[in-house]
Amino acid sequence: MSVLSAVLVALDSTQCYIGDVSAHPEITQRDLRTRSREIMDAVEHGQSFTVTRDGHRIGELIPLRQRRRFVSRQEFIAMSRNAPAVDLEAFRADQDAALDHEAGSPYER
């Protein structure tokens, strides 16, 4: 059994209440304090939690977004080979349609 599944099984028995099924599993402040290592391991593996105190929701623990990885020029070219061709005239027409021709310099407003 993985650490994440073990934490989720353990947390199931200690949840205060479940509102929306799509909501994060709820953990009490006491659970967070006593099992912080397990819970932080679960967060590190992508699990989110709602923290409660005295039956009231007080915060959320959510994983941080992963840092973007650098893509070399060669990788970008390889990934772009199957991209659809861009019709430059249609692109310019879309830009002209979106552009406010009446607006002058932003400093004149």
PDB file of N, CA and C in Angstrom:
ATOM      1  N   MET A   1       0.854  -1.180   0.000  1.00  0.00           N
ATOM      2  CA  MET A   1       0.000   0.000   0.000  1.00  0.00           C
ATOM      3  C   MET A   1       0.896   1.239   0.000  1.00  0.00           C
ATOM      4  N   SER A   2       0.630   2.189  -0.899  1.00  0.00           N
ATOM      5  CA  SER A   2       1.453   3.389  -0.965  1.00  0.00           C
ATOM      6  C   SER A   2       1.157   4.316   0.208  1.00  0.00           C
ATOM      7  N   VAL A   3       2.062   5.249   0.437  1.00  0.00           N
ATOM      8  CA  VAL A   3       1.884   6.213   1.529  1.00  0.00           C
ATOM      9  C   VAL A   3       0.603   7.002   1.322  1.00  0.00           C
ATOM     10  N   LEU A   4       0.366   7.428   0.069  1.00  0.00           N
ATOM     11  CA  LEU A   4      -0.824   8.232  -0.229  1.00  0.00           C
ATOM     12  C   LEU A   4      -2.100   7.459   0.064  1.00  0.00           C
ATOM     13  N   SER A   5      -2.194   6.205  -0.395  1.00  0.00           N
ATOM     14  CA  SER A   5      -3.420   5.442  -0.144  1.00  0.00           C
ATOM     15  C   SER A   5      -3.585   5.140   1.338  1.00  0.00           C
ATOM     16  N   ALA A   6      -2.481   4.910   2.060  1.00  0.00           N
ATOM     17  CA  ALA A   6      -2.567   4.667   3.502  1.00  0.00           C
ATOM     18  C   ALA A   6      -3.090   5.901   4.222  1.00  0.00           C
ATOM     19  N   VAL A   7      -2.630   7.079   3.810  1.00  0.00           N
ATOM     20  CA  VAL A   7      -3.101   8.324   4.434  1.00  0.00           C
ATOM     21  C   VAL A   7      -4.574   8.524   4.146  1.00  0.00           C
ATOM     22  N   LEU A   8      -4.990   8.271   2.896  1.00  0.00           N
ATOM     23  CA  LEU A   8      -6.389   8.481   2.551  1.00  0.00           C
ATOM     24  C   LEU A   8      -7.301   7.526   3.306  1.00  0.00           C
ATOM     25  N   VAL A   9      -6.885   6.281   3.460  1.00  0.00           N
ATOM     26  CA  VAL A   9      -7.684   5.320   4.229  1.00  0.00           C
ATOM     27  C   VAL A   9      -7.778   5.779   5.674  1.00  0.00           C
ATOM     28  N   ALA A  10      -6.668   6.208   6.255  1.00  0.00           N
ATOM     29  CA  ALA A  10      -6.660   6.658   7.645  1.00  0.00           C
ATOM     30  C   ALA A  10      -7.507   7.917   7.809  1.00  0.00           C
ATOM     31  N   LEU A  11      -7.448   8.807   6.830  1.00  0.00           N
ATOM     32  CA  LEU A  11      -8.192  10.057   6.949  1.00  0.00           C
ATOM     33  C   LEU A  11      -9.682   9.842   6.780  1.00  0.00           C
ATOM     34  N   ASP A  12     -10.084   8.824   6.035  1.00  0.00           N
ATOM     35  CA  ASP A  12     -11.502   8.540   5.852  1.00  0.00           C
ATOM     36  C   ASP A  12     -12.213   8.387   7.185  1.00  0.00           C
ATOM     37  N   SER A  13     -11.556   7.772   8.135  1.00  0.00           N
ATOM     38  CA  SER A  13     -12.194   7.504   9.423  1.00  0.00           C
ATOM     39  C   SER A  13     -12.237   8.732  10.313  1.00  0.00           C
ATOM     40  N   THR A  14     -11.500   9.790   9.971  1.00  0.00           N
ATOM     41  CA  THR A  14     -11.446  10.947  10.863  1.00  0.00           C
ATOM     42  C   THR A  14     -12.016  12.215  10.237  1.00  0.00           C
ATOM     43  N   GLN A  15     -12.635  12.093   9.070  1.00  0.00           N
ATOM     44  CA  GLN A  15     -13.194  13.285   8.440  1.00  0.00           C
ATOM     45  C   GLN A  15     -14.364  13.816   9.268  1.00  0.00           C
ATOM     46  N   CYS A  16     -14.434  15.140   9.379  1.00  0.00           N
ATOM     47  CA  CYS A  16     -15.519  15.752  10.147  1.00  0.00           C
ATOM     48  C   CYS A  16     -16.847  15.573   9.424  1.00  0.00           C
ATOM     49  N   TYR A  17     -16.890  15.955   8.174  1.00  0.00           N
ATOM     50  CA  TYR A  17     -18.079  15.806   7.359  1.00  0.00           C
ATOM     51  C   TYR A  17     -17.668  15.957   5.913  1.00  0.00           C
ATOM     52  N   ILE A  18     -18.508  15.470   5.038  1.00  0.00           N
ATOM     53  CA  ILE A  18     -18.222  15.604   3.614  1.00  0.00           C
ATOM     54  C   ILE A  18     -19.354  16.391   3.001  1.00  0.00           C
ATOM     55  N   GLY A  19     -19.015  17.513   2.399  1.00  0.00           N
ATOM     56  CA  GLY A  19     -20.019  18.318   1.720  1.00  0.00           C
ATOM     57  C   GLY A  19     -20.157  17.837   0.297  1.00  0.00           C
ATOM     58  N   ASP A  20     -19.520  18.503  -0.602  1.00  0.00           N
ATOM     59  CA  ASP A  20     -19.519  18.150  -2.007  1.00  0.00           C
ATOM     60  C   ASP A  20     -18.558  16.989  -2.231  1.00  0.00           C
ATOM     61  N   VAL A  21     -18.976  16.013  -3.026  1.00  0.00           N
ATOM     62  CA  VAL A  21     -18.130  14.842  -3.271  1.00  0.00           C
ATOM     63  C   VAL A  21     -16.829  15.252  -3.953  1.00  0.00           C
ATOM     64  N   SER A  22     -16.862  16.309  -4.760  1.00  0.00           N
ATOM     65  CA  SER A  22     -15.661  16.738  -5.469  1.00  0.00           C
ATOM     66  C   SER A  22     -14.724  17.562  -4.589  1.00  0.00           C
ATOM     67  N   ALA A  23     -15.159  17.900  -3.373  1.00  0.00           N
ATOM     68  CA  ALA A  23     -14.331  18.707  -2.483  1.00  0.00           C
ATOM     69  C   ALA A  23     -13.149  17.876  -1.983  1.00  0.00           C
ATOM     70  N   HIS A  24     -12.144  18.567  -1.491  1.00  0.00           N
ATOM     71  CA  HIS A  24     -10.966  17.892  -0.946  1.00  0.00           C
ATOM     72  C   HIS A  24     -11.354  17.151   0.328  1.00  0.00           C
ATOM     73  N   PRO A  25     -10.667  16.053   0.625  1.00  0.00           N
ATOM     74  CA  PRO A  25     -10.911  15.378   1.906  1.00  0.00           C
ATOM     75  C   PRO A  25     -10.640  16.349   3.053  1.00  0.00           C
ATOM     76  N   GLU A  26     -11.454  16.265   4.077  1.00  0.00           N
ATOM     77  CA  GLU A  26     -11.282  17.163   5.214  1.00  0.00           C
ATOM     78  C   GLU A  26     -10.470  16.480   6.307  1.00  0.00           C
ATOM     79  N   ILE A  27      -9.573  17.248   6.900  1.00  0.00           N
ATOM     80  CA  ILE A  27      -8.785  16.768   8.026  1.00  0.00           C
ATOM     81  C   ILE A  27      -8.902  17.789   9.133  1.00  0.00           C
ATOM     82  N   THR A  28      -8.864  17.310  10.356  1.00  0.00           N
ATOM     83  CA  THR A  28      -8.948  18.229  11.490  1.00  0.00           C
ATOM     84  C   THR A  28      -7.572  18.826  11.765  1.00  0.00           C
ATOM     85  N   GLN A  29      -7.579  19.913  12.496  1.00  0.00           N
ATOM     86  CA  GLN A  29      -6.330  20.542  12.898  1.00  0.00           C
ATOM     87  C   GLN A  29      -5.496  19.547  13.703  1.00  0.00           C
ATOM     88  N   ARG A  30      -6.155  18.748  14.517  1.00  0.00           N
ATOM     89  CA  ARG A  30      -5.450  17.748  15.323  1.00  0.00           C
ATOM     90  C   ARG A  30      -4.791  16.701  14.418  1.00  0.00           C
ATOM     91  N   ASP A  31      -5.525  16.224  13.381  1.00  0.00           N
ATOM     92  CA  ASP A  31      -4.929  15.277  12.426  1.00  0.00           C
ATOM     93  C   ASP A  31      -3.686  15.874  11.783  1.00  0.00           C
ATOM     94  N   LEU A  32      -3.796  17.128  11.392  1.00  0.00           N
ATOM     95  CA  LEU A  32      -2.660  17.794  10.753  1.00  0.00           C
ATOM     96  C   LEU A  32      -1.466  17.849  11.698  1.00  0.00           C
ATOM     97  N   ARG A  33      -1.725  18.145  12.956  1.00  0.00           N
ATOM     98  CA  ARG A  33      -0.650  18.248  13.934  1.00  0.00           C
ATOM     99  C   ARG A  33      -0.022  16.883  14.231  1.00  0.00           C
ATOM    100  N   THR A  34      -0.842  15.858  14.412  1.00  0.00           N
ATOM    101  CA  THR A  34      -0.311  14.562  14.830  1.00  0.00           C
ATOM    102  C   THR A  34       0.224  13.720  13.681  1.00  0.00           C
ATOM    103  N   ARG A  35      -0.290  13.931  12.476  1.00  0.00           N
ATOM    104  CA  ARG A  35       0.158  13.116  11.341  1.00  0.00           C
ATOM    105  C   ARG A  35       0.682  13.991  10.208  1.00  0.00           C
ATOM    106  N   SER A  36       1.388  15.041  10.569  1.00  0.00           N
ATOM    107  CA  SER A  36       1.835  16.014   9.564  1.00  0.00           C
ATOM    108  C   SER A  36       2.737  15.389   8.505  1.00  0.00           C
ATOM    109  N   ARG A  37       3.604  14.474   8.904  1.00  0.00           N
ATOM    110  CA  ARG A  37       4.506  13.862   7.914  1.00  0.00           C
ATOM    111  C   ARG A  37       3.723  13.098   6.851  1.00  0.00           C
ATOM    112  N   GLU A  38       2.770  12.276   7.271  1.00  0.00           N
ATOM    113  CA  GLU A  38       1.959  11.511   6.318  1.00  0.00           C
ATOM    114  C   GLU A  38       1.156  12.428   5.413  1.00  0.00           C
ATOM    115  N   ILE A  39       0.574  13.449   6.004  1.00  0.00           N
ATOM    116  CA  ILE A  39      -0.259  14.370   5.236  1.00  0.00           C
ATOM    117  C   ILE A  39       0.591  15.160   4.251  1.00  0.00           C
ATOM    118  N   MET A  40       1.756  15.627   4.684  1.00  0.00           N
ATOM    119  CA  MET A  40       2.632  16.367   3.775  1.00  0.00           C
ATOM    120  C   MET A  40       3.142  15.478   2.643  1.00  0.00           C
ATOM    121  N   ASP A  41       3.392  14.196   2.939  1.00  0.00           N
ATOM    122  CA  ASP A  41       3.771  13.257   1.875  1.00  0.00           C
ATOM    123  C   ASP A  41       2.651  13.135   0.851  1.00  0.00           C
ATOM    124  N   ALA A  42       1.409  13.072   1.329  1.00  0.00           N
ATOM    125  CA  ALA A  42       0.268  12.987   0.416  1.00  0.00           C
ATOM    126  C   ALA A  42       0.145  14.254  -0.426  1.00  0.00           C
ATOM    127  N   VAL A  43       0.351  15.429   0.185  1.00  0.00           N
ATOM    128  CA  VAL A  43       0.313  16.694  -0.559  1.00  0.00           C
ATOM    129  C   VAL A  43       1.417  16.709  -1.616  1.00  0.00           C
ATOM    130  N   GLU A  44       2.589  16.218  -1.232  1.00  0.00           N
ATOM    131  CA  GLU A  44       3.703  16.163  -2.179  1.00  0.00           C
ATOM    132  C   GLU A  44       3.364  15.283  -3.381  1.00  0.00           C
ATOM    133  N   HIS A  45       2.521  14.272  -3.170  1.00  0.00           N
ATOM    134  CA  HIS A  45       2.123  13.380  -4.265  1.00  0.00           C
ATOM    135  C   HIS A  45       0.860  13.852  -4.976  1.00  0.00           C
ATOM    136  N   GLY A  46       0.423  15.103  -4.715  1.00  0.00           N
ATOM    137  CA  GLY A  46      -0.683  15.681  -5.470  1.00  0.00           C
ATOM    138  C   GLY A  46      -2.022  15.748  -4.773  1.00  0.00           C
ATOM    139  N   GLN A  47      -2.145  15.232  -3.553  1.00  0.00           N
ATOM    140  CA  GLN A  47      -3.421  15.248  -2.843  1.00  0.00           C
ATOM    141  C   GLN A  47      -3.641  16.610  -2.185  1.00  0.00           C
ATOM    142  N   SER A  48      -4.874  17.086  -2.200  1.00  0.00           N
ATOM    143  CA  SER A  48      -5.248  18.335  -1.526  1.00  0.00           C
ATOM    144  C   SER A  48      -6.160  18.011  -0.353  1.00  0.00           C
ATOM    145  N   PHE A  49      -6.143  18.870   0.670  1.00  0.00           N
ATOM    146  CA  PHE A  49      -6.963  18.662   1.857  1.00  0.00           C
ATOM    147  C   PHE A  49      -7.579  19.976   2.296  1.00  0.00           C
ATOM    148  N   THR A  50      -8.755  19.890   2.919  1.00  0.00           N
ATOM    149  CA  THR A  50      -9.360  21.032   3.592  1.00  0.00           C
ATOM    150  C   THR A  50      -9.170  20.811   5.084  1.00  0.00           C
ATOM    151  N   VAL A  51      -8.625  21.809   5.767  1.00  0.00           N
ATOM    152  CA  VAL A  51      -8.352  21.708   7.204  1.00  0.00           C
ATOM    153  C   VAL A  51      -9.529  22.327   7.963  1.00  0.00           C
ATOM    154  N   THR A  52      -9.981  21.609   9.002  1.00  0.00           N
ATOM    155  CA  THR A  52     -11.087  22.112   9.809  1.00  0.00           C
ATOM    156  C   THR A  52     -10.639  22.274  11.271  1.00  0.00           C
ATOM    157  N   ARG A  53     -11.318  23.181  11.959  1.00  0.00           N
ATOM    158  CA  ARG A  53     -11.133  23.368  13.404  1.00  0.00           C
ATOM    159  C   ARG A  53     -12.518  23.535  14.002  1.00  0.00           C
ATOM    160  N   ASP A  54     -12.823  22.729  14.976  1.00  0.00           N
ATOM    161  CA  ASP A  54     -14.141  22.761  15.627  1.00  0.00           C
ATOM    162  C   ASP A  54     -15.280  22.635  14.602  1.00  0.00           C
ATOM    163  N   GLY A  55     -15.046  21.812  13.578  1.00  0.00           N
ATOM    164  CA  GLY A  55     -16.078  21.568  12.571  1.00  0.00           C
ATOM    165  C   GLY A  55     -16.216  22.633  11.508  1.00  0.00           C
ATOM    166  N   HIS A  56     -15.365  23.667  11.555  1.00  0.00           N
ATOM    167  CA  HIS A  56     -15.437  24.750  10.573  1.00  0.00           C
ATOM    168  C   HIS A  56     -14.220  24.690   9.657  1.00  0.00           C
ATOM    169  N   ARG A  57     -14.450  24.885   8.392  1.00  0.00           N
ATOM    170  CA  ARG A  57     -13.342  24.909   7.438  1.00  0.00           C
ATOM    171  C   ARG A  57     -12.510  26.164   7.655  1.00  0.00           C
ATOM    172  N   ILE A  58     -11.185  25.980   7.775  1.00  0.00           N
ATOM    173  CA  ILE A  58     -10.326  27.141   8.020  1.00  0.00           C
ATOM    174  C   ILE A  58      -9.245  27.319   6.967  1.00  0.00           C
ATOM    175  N   GLY A  59      -8.990  26.319   6.141  1.00  0.00           N
ATOM    176  CA  GLY A  59      -7.943  26.474   5.137  1.00  0.00           C
ATOM    177  C   GLY A  59      -7.829  25.253   4.254  1.00  0.00           C
ATOM    178  N   GLU A  60      -6.959  25.376   3.266  1.00  0.00           N
ATOM    179  CA  GLU A  60      -6.709  24.277   2.342  1.00  0.00           C
ATOM    180  C   GLU A  60      -5.216  24.031   2.222  1.00  0.00           C
ATOM    181  N   LEU A  61      -4.849  22.771   2.133  1.00  0.00           N
ATOM    182  CA  LEU A  61      -3.479  22.376   1.811  1.00  0.00           C
ATOM    183  C   LEU A  61      -3.514  21.884   0.375  1.00  0.00           C
ATOM    184  N   ILE A  62      -2.789  22.557  -0.491  1.00  0.00           N
ATOM    185  CA  ILE A  62      -2.778  22.157  -1.897  1.00  0.00           C
ATOM    186  C   ILE A  62      -1.338  22.073  -2.376  1.00  0.00           C
ATOM    187  N   PRO A  63      -1.055  21.145  -3.277  1.00  0.00           N
ATOM    188  CA  PRO A  63       0.323  21.048  -3.787  1.00  0.00           C
ATOM    189  C   PRO A  63       0.669  22.259  -4.640  1.00  0.00           C
ATOM    190  N   LEU A  64       1.930  22.632  -4.611  1.00  0.00           N
ATOM    191  CA  LEU A  64       2.398  23.712  -5.463  1.00  0.00           C
ATOM    192  C   LEU A  64       2.491  23.217  -6.889  1.00  0.00           C
ATOM    193  N   ARG A  65       2.309  24.134  -7.832  1.00  0.00           N
ATOM    194  CA  ARG A  65       2.469  23.762  -9.239  1.00  0.00           C
ATOM    195  C   ARG A  65       3.915  23.387  -9.491  1.00  0.00           C
ATOM    196  N   GLN A  66       4.090  22.435 -10.378  1.00  0.00           N
ATOM    197  CA  GLN A  66       5.444  22.027 -10.731  1.00  0.00           C
ATOM    198  C   GLN A  66       6.111  23.118 -11.562  1.00  0.00           C
ATOM    199  N   ARG A  67       7.382  23.280 -11.386  1.00  0.00           N
ATOM    200  CA  ARG A  67       8.122  24.257 -12.174  1.00  0.00           C
ATOM    201  C   ARG A  67       8.154  23.809 -13.623  1.00  0.00           C
ATOM    202  N   ARG A  68       8.091  24.761 -14.506  1.00  0.00           N
ATOM    203  CA  ARG A  68       8.187  24.436 -15.922  1.00  0.00           C
ATOM    204  C   ARG A  68       9.602  24.004 -16.242  1.00  0.00           C
ATOM    205  N   ARG A  69       9.698  23.090 -17.153  1.00  0.00           N
ATOM    206  CA  ARG A  69      11.027  22.644 -17.540  1.00  0.00           C
ATOM    207  C   ARG A  69      11.426  23.367 -18.819  1.00  0.00           C
ATOM    208  N   PHE A  70      12.699  23.638 -18.954  1.00  0.00           N
ATOM    209  CA  PHE A  70      13.229  24.312 -20.129  1.00  0.00           C
ATOM    210  C   PHE A  70      13.065  23.405 -21.342  1.00  0.00           C
ATOM    211  N   VAL A  71      12.605  23.980 -22.431  1.00  0.00           N
ATOM    212  CA  VAL A  71      12.457  23.239 -23.684  1.00  0.00           C
ATOM    213  C   VAL A  71      13.454  23.828 -24.671  1.00  0.00           C
ATOM    214  N   SER A  72      14.321  22.978 -25.173  1.00  0.00           N
ATOM    215  CA  SER A  72      15.331  23.449 -26.124  1.00  0.00           C
ATOM    216  C   SER A  72      14.675  23.799 -27.459  1.00  0.00           C
ATOM    217  N   ARG A  73      15.379  24.544 -28.270  1.00  0.00           N
ATOM    218  CA  ARG A  73      14.879  24.941 -29.580  1.00  0.00           C
ATOM    219  C   ARG A  73      14.572  23.710 -30.437  1.00  0.00           C
ATOM    220  N   GLN A  74      15.432  22.698 -30.362  1.00  0.00           N
ATOM    221  CA  GLN A  74      15.224  21.483 -31.154  1.00  0.00           C
ATOM    222  C   GLN A  74      13.943  20.764 -30.708  1.00  0.00           C
ATOM    223  N   GLU A  75      13.716  20.686 -29.389  1.00  0.00           N
ATOM    224  CA  GLU A  75      12.495  20.045 -28.892  1.00  0.00           C
ATOM    225  C   GLU A  75      11.258  20.816 -29.341  1.00  0.00           C
ATOM    226  N   PHE A  76      11.333  22.149 -29.276  1.00  0.00           N
ATOM    227  CA  PHE A  76      10.202  22.979 -29.693  1.00  0.00           C
ATOM    228  C   PHE A  76       9.896  22.769 -31.172  1.00  0.00           C
ATOM    229  N   ILE A  77      10.931  22.734 -31.986  1.00  0.00           N
ATOM    230  CA  ILE A  77      10.744  22.514 -33.427  1.00  0.00           C
ATOM    231  C   ILE A  77      10.094  21.150 -33.669  1.00  0.00           C
ATOM    232  N   ALA A  78      10.575  20.133 -32.969  1.00  0.00           N
ATOM    233  CA  ALA A  78      10.020  18.790 -33.134  1.00  0.00           C
ATOM    234  C   ALA A  78       8.551  18.746 -32.706  1.00  0.00           C
ATOM    235  N   MET A  79       8.211  19.421 -31.614  1.00  0.00           N
ATOM    236  CA  MET A  79       6.825  19.423 -31.143  1.00  0.00           C
ATOM    237  C   MET A  79       5.922  20.234 -32.058  1.00  0.00           C
ATOM    238  N   SER A  80       6.477  21.231 -32.731  1.00  0.00           N
ATOM    239  CA  SER A  80       5.687  22.125 -33.570  1.00  0.00           C
ATOM    240  C   SER A  80       5.452  21.594 -34.975  1.00  0.00           C
ATOM    241  N   ARG A  81       6.119  20.537 -35.345  1.00  0.00           N
ATOM    242  CA  ARG A  81       5.992  20.018 -36.712  1.00  0.00           C
ATOM    243  C   ARG A  81       4.560  19.658 -37.077  1.00  0.00           C
ATOM    244  N   ASN A  82       3.792  19.171 -36.134  1.00  0.00           N
ATOM    245  CA  ASN A  82       2.418  18.754 -36.413  1.00  0.00           C
ATOM    246  C   ASN A  82       1.389  19.839 -36.139  1.00  0.00           C
ATOM    247  N   ALA A  83       1.848  21.033 -35.808  1.00  0.00           N
ATOM    248  CA  ALA A  83       0.921  22.131 -35.537  1.00  0.00           C
ATOM    249  C   ALA A  83       0.281  22.591 -36.840  1.00  0.00           C
ATOM    250  N   PRO A  84      -0.967  23.051 -36.780  1.00  0.00           N
ATOM    251  CA  PRO A  84      -1.611  23.531 -38.013  1.00  0.00           C
ATOM    252  C   PRO A  84      -0.932  24.801 -38.509  1.00  0.00           C
ATOM    253  N   ALA A  85      -0.981  24.993 -39.827  1.00  0.00           N
ATOM    254  CA  ALA A  85      -0.398  26.202 -40.425  1.00  0.00           C
ATOM    255  C   ALA A  85      -1.231  27.417 -40.027  1.00  0.00           C
ATOM    256  N   VAL A  86      -0.571  28.547 -39.893  1.00  0.00           N
ATOM    257  CA  VAL A  86      -1.250  29.781 -39.518  1.00  0.00           C
ATOM    258  C   VAL A  86      -1.492  30.597 -40.773  1.00  0.00           C
ATOM    259  N   ASP A  87      -2.747  30.988 -40.997  1.00  0.00           N
ATOM    260  CA  ASP A  87      -3.099  31.863 -42.117  1.00  0.00           C
ATOM    261  C   ASP A  87      -2.835  33.296 -41.653  1.00  0.00           C
ATOM    262  N   LEU A  88      -1.752  33.890 -42.142  1.00  0.00           N
ATOM    263  CA  LEU A  88      -1.345  35.214 -41.660  1.00  0.00           C
ATOM    264  C   LEU A  88      -2.386  36.284 -41.942  1.00  0.00           C
ATOM    265  N   GLU A  89      -3.047  36.213 -43.080  1.00  0.00           N
ATOM    266  CA  GLU A  89      -4.072  37.214 -43.399  1.00  0.00           C
ATOM    267  C   GLU A  89      -5.250  37.129 -42.414  1.00  0.00           C
ATOM    268  N   ALA A  90      -5.682  35.920 -42.115  1.00  0.00           N
ATOM    269  CA  ALA A  90      -6.778  35.742 -41.153  1.00  0.00           C
ATOM    270  C   ALA A  90      -6.338  36.186 -39.760  1.00  0.00           C
ATOM    271  N   PHE A  91      -5.082  35.904 -39.410  1.00  0.00           N
ATOM    272  CA  PHE A  91      -4.549  36.312 -38.115  1.00  0.00           C
ATOM    273  C   PHE A  91      -4.547  37.834 -37.986  1.00  0.00           C
ATOM    274  N   ARG A  92      -4.076  38.502 -39.023  1.00  0.00           N
ATOM    275  CA  ARG A  92      -4.052  39.979 -39.005  1.00  0.00           C
ATOM    276  C   ARG A  92      -5.456  40.556 -38.976  1.00  0.00           C
ATOM    277  N   ALA A  93      -6.376  39.932 -39.691  1.00  0.00           N
ATOM    278  CA  ALA A  93      -7.765  40.404 -39.674  1.00  0.00           C
ATOM    279  C   ALA A  93      -8.353  40.266 -38.269  1.00  0.00           C
ATOM    280  N   ASP A  94      -8.066  39.168 -37.588  1.00  0.00           N
ATOM    281  CA  ASP A  94      -8.535  38.988 -36.208  1.00  0.00           C
ATOM    282  C   ASP A  94      -7.949  40.051 -35.294  1.00  0.00           C
ATOM    283  N   GLN A  95      -6.663  40.361 -35.479  1.00  0.00           N
ATOM    284  CA  GLN A  95      -6.038  41.395 -34.648  1.00  0.00           C
ATOM    285  C   GLN A  95      -6.661  42.751 -34.914  1.00  0.00           C
ATOM    286  N   ASP A  96      -6.879  43.081 -36.185  1.00  0.00           N
ATOM    287  CA  ASP A  96      -7.493  44.368 -36.523  1.00  0.00           C
ATOM    288  C   ASP A  96      -8.899  44.476 -35.962  1.00  0.00           C
ATOM    289  N   ALA A  97      -9.647  43.377 -35.986  1.00  0.00           N
ATOM    290  CA  ALA A  97     -11.013  43.396 -35.461  1.00  0.00           C
ATOM    291  C   ALA A  97     -11.013  43.618 -33.949  1.00  0.00           C
ATOM    292  N   ALA A  98     -10.010  43.102 -33.260  1.00  0.00           N
ATOM    293  CA  ALA A  98      -9.936  43.234 -31.808  1.00  0.00           C
ATOM    294  C   ALA A  98      -9.338  44.564 -31.375  1.00  0.00           C
ATOM    295  N   LEU A  99      -8.610  45.218 -32.255  1.00  0.00           N
ATOM    296  CA  LEU A  99      -7.916  46.453 -31.922  1.00  0.00           C
ATOM    297  C   LEU A  99      -8.893  47.621 -31.879  1.00  0.00           C
ATOM    298  N   ASP A 100      -8.777  48.435 -30.862  1.00  0.00           N
ATOM    299  CA  ASP A 100      -9.600  49.640 -30.750  1.00  0.00           C
ATOM    300  C   ASP A 100      -8.883  50.755 -31.497  1.00  0.00           C
ATOM    301  N   HIS A 101      -9.338  51.029 -32.732  1.00  0.00           N
ATOM    302  CA  HIS A 101      -8.670  52.036 -33.562  1.00  0.00           C
ATOM    303  C   HIS A 101      -8.902  53.451 -33.046  1.00  0.00           C
ATOM    304  N   GLU A 102      -9.905  53.647 -32.227  1.00  0.00           N
ATOM    305  CA  GLU A 102     -10.226  54.966 -31.697  1.00  0.00           C
ATOM    306  C   GLU A 102      -9.280  55.371 -30.569  1.00  0.00           C
ATOM    307  N   ALA A 103      -8.747  54.405 -29.882  1.00  0.00           N
ATOM    308  CA  ALA A 103      -7.907  54.726 -28.734  1.00  0.00           C
ATOM    309  C   ALA A 103      -6.604  55.324 -29.204  1.00  0.00           C
ATOM    310  N   GLY A 104      -6.227  56.379 -28.577  1.00  0.00           N
ATOM    311  CA  GLY A 104      -4.961  57.009 -28.878  1.00  0.00           C
ATOM    312  C   GLY A 104      -3.902  56.462 -27.942  1.00  0.00           C
ATOM    313  N   SER A 105      -2.992  57.301 -27.599  1.00  0.00           N
ATOM    314  CA  SER A 105      -1.945  56.908 -26.670  1.00  0.00           C
ATOM    315  C   SER A 105      -2.551  56.651 -25.292  1.00  0.00           C
ATOM    316  N   PRO A 106      -2.100  55.627 -24.595  1.00  0.00           N
ATOM    317  CA  PRO A 106      -2.634  55.396 -23.248  1.00  0.00           C
ATOM    318  C   PRO A 106      -2.296  56.541 -22.295  1.00  0.00           C
ATOM    319  N   TYR A 107      -1.318  57.339 -22.645  1.00  0.00           N
ATOM    320  CA  TYR A 107      -0.928  58.470 -21.797  1.00  0.00           C
ATOM    321  C   TYR A 107      -1.844  59.669 -21.989  1.00  0.00           C
ATOM    322  N   GLU A 108      -2.649  59.673 -23.056  1.00  0.00           N
ATOM    323  CA  GLU A 108      -3.563  60.782 -23.307  1.00  0.00           C
ATOM    324  C   GLU A 108      -4.869  60.639 -22.547  1.00  0.00           C
ATOM    325  N   ARG A 109      -5.145  59.480 -21.980  1.00  0.00           N
ATOM    326  CA  ARG A 109      -6.424  59.259 -21.286  1.00  0.00           C
ATOM    327  C   ARG A 109      -6.469  59.952 -19.965  1.00  0.00           C
TER     328      ARG A 109
END
